[in-house]
Amino acid sequence: MARTVQPDQQQSKDDVSLARVFFRGFFWPIRMIGRGLAWTAHKPPLKQIGHGLRWFFRLKFMRFLGRILGFGFFASSWQELRQVTWPTRREGRRLTTAVIIFSVVFGALIAVVDYGLDKLFRQVLLK
């Protein structure tokens, strides 16, 4: 039992409802993503996916949304992180050990000075 679909009757431009216009605009980004995925589906390498994503994020709507949400900050932060020269694992371990040793020595020095001043002021002020 095949179900037959009858062709839609011609609608005039005045016959378009406000809800239909809203939902067309509301689902527009989803339709665009679907079109981009359909375009990249026949050639799945990363190059085409990158081109599709670049095209999507260069749309005026996405650029406007990015300005509102402050994505420029994240992009510039990422560029700065790419310019950083990161230490090797050995250098990182050595520098971390130096910081820990310095913190312990400085903390001990502060504790000794605090203990000495406490004794001094107790004797001076309480007697």
C-alpha atoms as a PDB file:
ATOM      1  CA  MET A   1       0.000   0.000   0.000  1.00  0.00           C
ATOM      2  CA  ALA A   2       1.853   2.997  -1.244  1.00  0.00           C
ATOM      3  CA  ARG A   3       0.835   6.318   0.065  1.00  0.00           C
ATOM      4  CA  THR A   4       0.483   8.954  -2.580  1.00  0.00           C
ATOM      5  CA  VAL A   5       1.633  12.441  -1.929  1.00  0.00           C
ATOM      6  CA  GLN A   6      -0.389  15.167  -3.493  1.00  0.00           C
ATOM      7  CA  PRO A   7       1.481  18.175  -4.793  1.00  0.00           C
ATOM      8  CA  ASP A   8       1.167  21.303  -2.704  1.00  0.00           C
ATOM      9  CA  GLN A   9      -1.108  23.961  -3.991  1.00  0.00           C
ATOM     10  CA  GLN A  10       0.516  27.156  -5.044  1.00  0.00           C
ATOM     11  CA  GLN A  11       0.734  29.523  -2.088  1.00  0.00           C
ATOM     12  CA  SER A  12       0.662  33.212  -2.547  1.00  0.00           C
ATOM     13  CA  LYS A  13       3.290  35.344  -0.860  1.00  0.00           C
ATOM     14  CA  ASP A  14       0.658  36.719   1.517  1.00  0.00           C
ATOM     15  CA  ASP A  15      -0.224  33.191   2.645  1.00  0.00           C
ATOM     16  CA  VAL A  16       3.146  32.553   4.394  1.00  0.00           C
ATOM     17  CA  SER A  17       2.619  32.465   8.151  1.00  0.00           C
ATOM     18  CA  LEU A  18       4.768  34.228  10.689  1.00  0.00           C
ATOM     19  CA  ALA A  19       5.534  30.916  12.420  1.00  0.00           C
ATOM     20  CA  ARG A  20       6.851  29.474   9.160  1.00  0.00           C
ATOM     21  CA  VAL A  21       9.121  32.465   8.629  1.00  0.00           C
ATOM     22  CA  PHE A  22      10.363  32.212  12.231  1.00  0.00           C
ATOM     23  CA  PHE A  23      11.177  28.526  12.033  1.00  0.00           C
ATOM     24  CA  ARG A  24      12.903  28.937   8.667  1.00  0.00           C
ATOM     25  CA  GLY A  25      15.184  31.528  10.245  1.00  0.00           C
ATOM     26  CA  PHE A  26      15.528  29.561  13.471  1.00  0.00           C
ATOM     27  CA  PHE A  27      16.684  26.389  11.745  1.00  0.00           C
ATOM     28  CA  TRP A  28      18.834  28.204   9.163  1.00  0.00           C
ATOM     29  CA  PRO A  29      22.166  27.495  10.962  1.00  0.00           C
ATOM     30  CA  ILE A  30      21.263  23.813  11.231  1.00  0.00           C
ATOM     31  CA  ARG A  31      20.440  23.679   7.532  1.00  0.00           C
ATOM     32  CA  MET A  32      23.757  25.362   6.723  1.00  0.00           C
ATOM     33  CA  ILE A  33      25.660  22.848   8.861  1.00  0.00           C
ATOM     34  CA  GLY A  34      23.803  20.050   7.086  1.00  0.00           C
ATOM     35  CA  ARG A  35      24.748  21.478   3.700  1.00  0.00           C
ATOM     36  CA  GLY A  36      28.368  21.804   4.751  1.00  0.00           C
ATOM     37  CA  LEU A  37      28.425  18.232   6.020  1.00  0.00           C
ATOM     38  CA  ALA A  38      26.778  17.002   2.838  1.00  0.00           C
ATOM     39  CA  TRP A  39      29.457  18.804   0.842  1.00  0.00           C
ATOM     40  CA  THR A  40      32.254  17.211   2.862  1.00  0.00           C
ATOM     41  CA  ALA A  41      30.609  13.770   3.021  1.00  0.00           C
ATOM     42  CA  HIS A  42      31.699  12.717  -0.446  1.00  0.00           C
ATOM     43  CA  LYS A  43      35.324  13.666   0.294  1.00  0.00           C
ATOM     44  CA  PRO A  44      36.049  13.079   3.979  1.00  0.00           C
ATOM     45  CA  PRO A  45      39.683  14.250   4.243  1.00  0.00           C
ATOM     46  CA  LEU A  46      40.411  16.894   6.822  1.00  0.00           C
ATOM     47  CA  LYS A  47      41.192  19.520   4.217  1.00  0.00           C
ATOM     48  CA  GLN A  48      37.572  19.673   3.019  1.00  0.00           C
ATOM     49  CA  ILE A  49      36.261  19.650   6.585  1.00  0.00           C
ATOM     50  CA  GLY A  50      38.558  22.545   7.421  1.00  0.00           C
ATOM     51  CA  HIS A  51      37.338  24.470   4.383  1.00  0.00           C
ATOM     52  CA  GLY A  52      33.736  23.824   5.388  1.00  0.00           C
ATOM     53  CA  LEU A  53      34.338  25.006   8.939  1.00  0.00           C
ATOM     54  CA  ARG A  54      36.227  28.060   7.726  1.00  0.00           C
ATOM     55  CA  TRP A  55      33.345  28.917   5.396  1.00  0.00           C
ATOM     56  CA  PHE A  56      30.796  28.476   8.191  1.00  0.00           C
ATOM     57  CA  PHE A  57      32.654  30.633  10.706  1.00  0.00           C
ATOM     58  CA  ARG A  58      33.221  33.385   8.155  1.00  0.00           C
ATOM     59  CA  LEU A  59      29.498  33.928   7.704  1.00  0.00           C
ATOM     60  CA  LYS A  60      28.342  37.359   8.869  1.00  0.00           C
ATOM     61  CA  PHE A  61      26.050  35.848  11.475  1.00  0.00           C
ATOM     62  CA  MET A  62      28.845  33.771  13.014  1.00  0.00           C
ATOM     63  CA  ARG A  63      31.286  36.689  13.016  1.00  0.00           C
ATOM     64  CA  PHE A  64      28.648  38.851  14.735  1.00  0.00           C
ATOM     65  CA  LEU A  65      27.985  36.119  17.297  1.00  0.00           C
ATOM     66  CA  GLY A  66      31.724  35.749  17.872  1.00  0.00           C
ATOM     67  CA  ARG A  67      32.067  39.465  18.577  1.00  0.00           C
ATOM     68  CA  ILE A  68      29.216  39.345  21.076  1.00  0.00           C
ATOM     69  CA  LEU A  69      30.581  36.292  22.888  1.00  0.00           C
ATOM     70  CA  GLY A  70      34.201  37.528  22.810  1.00  0.00           C
ATOM     71  CA  PHE A  71      35.747  34.719  20.764  1.00  0.00           C
ATOM     72  CA  GLY A  72      38.403  37.146  19.560  1.00  0.00           C
ATOM     73  CA  PHE A  73      39.986  36.894  22.999  1.00  0.00           C
ATOM     74  CA  PHE A  74      40.322  33.130  22.652  1.00  0.00           C
ATOM     75  CA  ALA A  75      41.728  33.404  19.141  1.00  0.00           C
ATOM     76  CA  SER A  76      44.378  35.934  20.182  1.00  0.00           C
ATOM     77  CA  SER A  77      45.197  33.891  23.300  1.00  0.00           C
ATOM     78  CA  TRP A  78      45.702  30.812  21.140  1.00  0.00           C
ATOM     79  CA  GLN A  79      48.014  32.770  18.826  1.00  0.00           C
ATOM     80  CA  GLU A  80      50.069  33.919  21.823  1.00  0.00           C
ATOM     81  CA  LEU A  81      50.317  30.357  23.144  1.00  0.00           C
ATOM     82  CA  ARG A  82      51.628  29.171  19.792  1.00  0.00           C
ATOM     83  CA  GLN A  83      54.472  31.690  20.038  1.00  0.00           C
ATOM     84  CA  VAL A  84      55.621  30.467  23.473  1.00  0.00           C
ATOM     85  CA  THR A  85      58.847  28.474  23.686  1.00  0.00           C
ATOM     86  CA  TRP A  86      57.981  25.709  26.117  1.00  0.00           C
ATOM     87  CA  PRO A  87      60.700  24.151  28.318  1.00  0.00           C
ATOM     88  CA  THR A  88      61.616  20.508  27.935  1.00  0.00           C
ATOM     89  CA  ARG A  89      60.442  17.991  30.513  1.00  0.00           C
ATOM     90  CA  ARG A  90      63.876  17.970  32.161  1.00  0.00           C
ATOM     91  CA  GLU A  91      64.026  21.774  32.380  1.00  0.00           C
ATOM     92  CA  GLY A  92      60.491  21.868  33.761  1.00  0.00           C
ATOM     93  CA  ARG A  93      61.345  19.354  36.477  1.00  0.00           C
ATOM     94  CA  ARG A  94      64.521  21.277  37.373  1.00  0.00           C
ATOM     95  CA  LEU A  95      62.714  24.629  37.562  1.00  0.00           C
ATOM     96  CA  THR A  96      59.857  23.140  39.605  1.00  0.00           C
ATOM     97  CA  THR A  97      62.354  21.696  42.076  1.00  0.00           C
ATOM     98  CA  ALA A  98      64.054  25.106  42.352  1.00  0.00           C
ATOM     99  CA  VAL A  99      60.706  26.784  43.117  1.00  0.00           C
ATOM    100  CA  ILE A 100      59.840  24.197  45.787  1.00  0.00           C
ATOM    101  CA  ILE A 101      63.258  24.538  47.464  1.00  0.00           C
ATOM    102  CA  PHE A 102      63.042  28.343  47.379  1.00  0.00           C
ATOM    103  CA  SER A 103      59.531  28.230  48.879  1.00  0.00           C
ATOM    104  CA  VAL A 104      60.602  25.931  51.726  1.00  0.00           C
ATOM    105  CA  VAL A 105      63.700  28.038  52.523  1.00  0.00           C
ATOM    106  CA  PHE A 106      61.767  31.314  52.367  1.00  0.00           C
ATOM    107  CA  GLY A 107      58.951  29.859  54.499  1.00  0.00           C
ATOM    108  CA  ALA A 108      61.470  28.667  57.102  1.00  0.00           C
ATOM    109  CA  LEU A 109      63.122  32.105  57.119  1.00  0.00           C
ATOM    110  CA  ILE A 110      59.767  33.826  57.660  1.00  0.00           C
ATOM    111  CA  ALA A 111      58.917  31.338  60.436  1.00  0.00           C
ATOM    112  CA  VAL A 112      62.224  32.030  62.247  1.00  0.00           C
ATOM    113  CA  VAL A 113      61.774  35.806  61.976  1.00  0.00           C
ATOM    114  CA  ASP A 114      58.151  35.511  63.144  1.00  0.00           C
ATOM    115  CA  TYR A 115      59.162  33.355  66.127  1.00  0.00           C
ATOM    116  CA  GLY A 116      61.960  35.787  67.094  1.00  0.00           C
ATOM    117  CA  LEU A 117      59.740  38.865  66.839  1.00  0.00           C
ATOM    118  CA  ASP A 118      57.014  37.075  68.821  1.00  0.00           C
ATOM    119  CA  LYS A 119      59.448  36.343  71.667  1.00  0.00           C
ATOM    120  CA  LEU A 120      60.855  39.891  71.547  1.00  0.00           C
ATOM    121  CA  PHE A 121      57.466  41.617  71.664  1.00  0.00           C
ATOM    122  CA  ARG A 122      56.146  39.297  74.376  1.00  0.00           C
ATOM    123  CA  GLN A 123      59.085  40.237  76.582  1.00  0.00           C
ATOM    124  CA  VAL A 124      58.936  43.932  75.763  1.00  0.00           C
ATOM    125  CA  LEU A 125      55.182  44.461  75.866  1.00  0.00           C
ATOM    126  CA  LEU A 126      54.151  42.005  78.577  1.00  0.00           C
ATOM    127  CA  LYS A 127      56.816  42.951  81.124  1.00  0.00           C
END
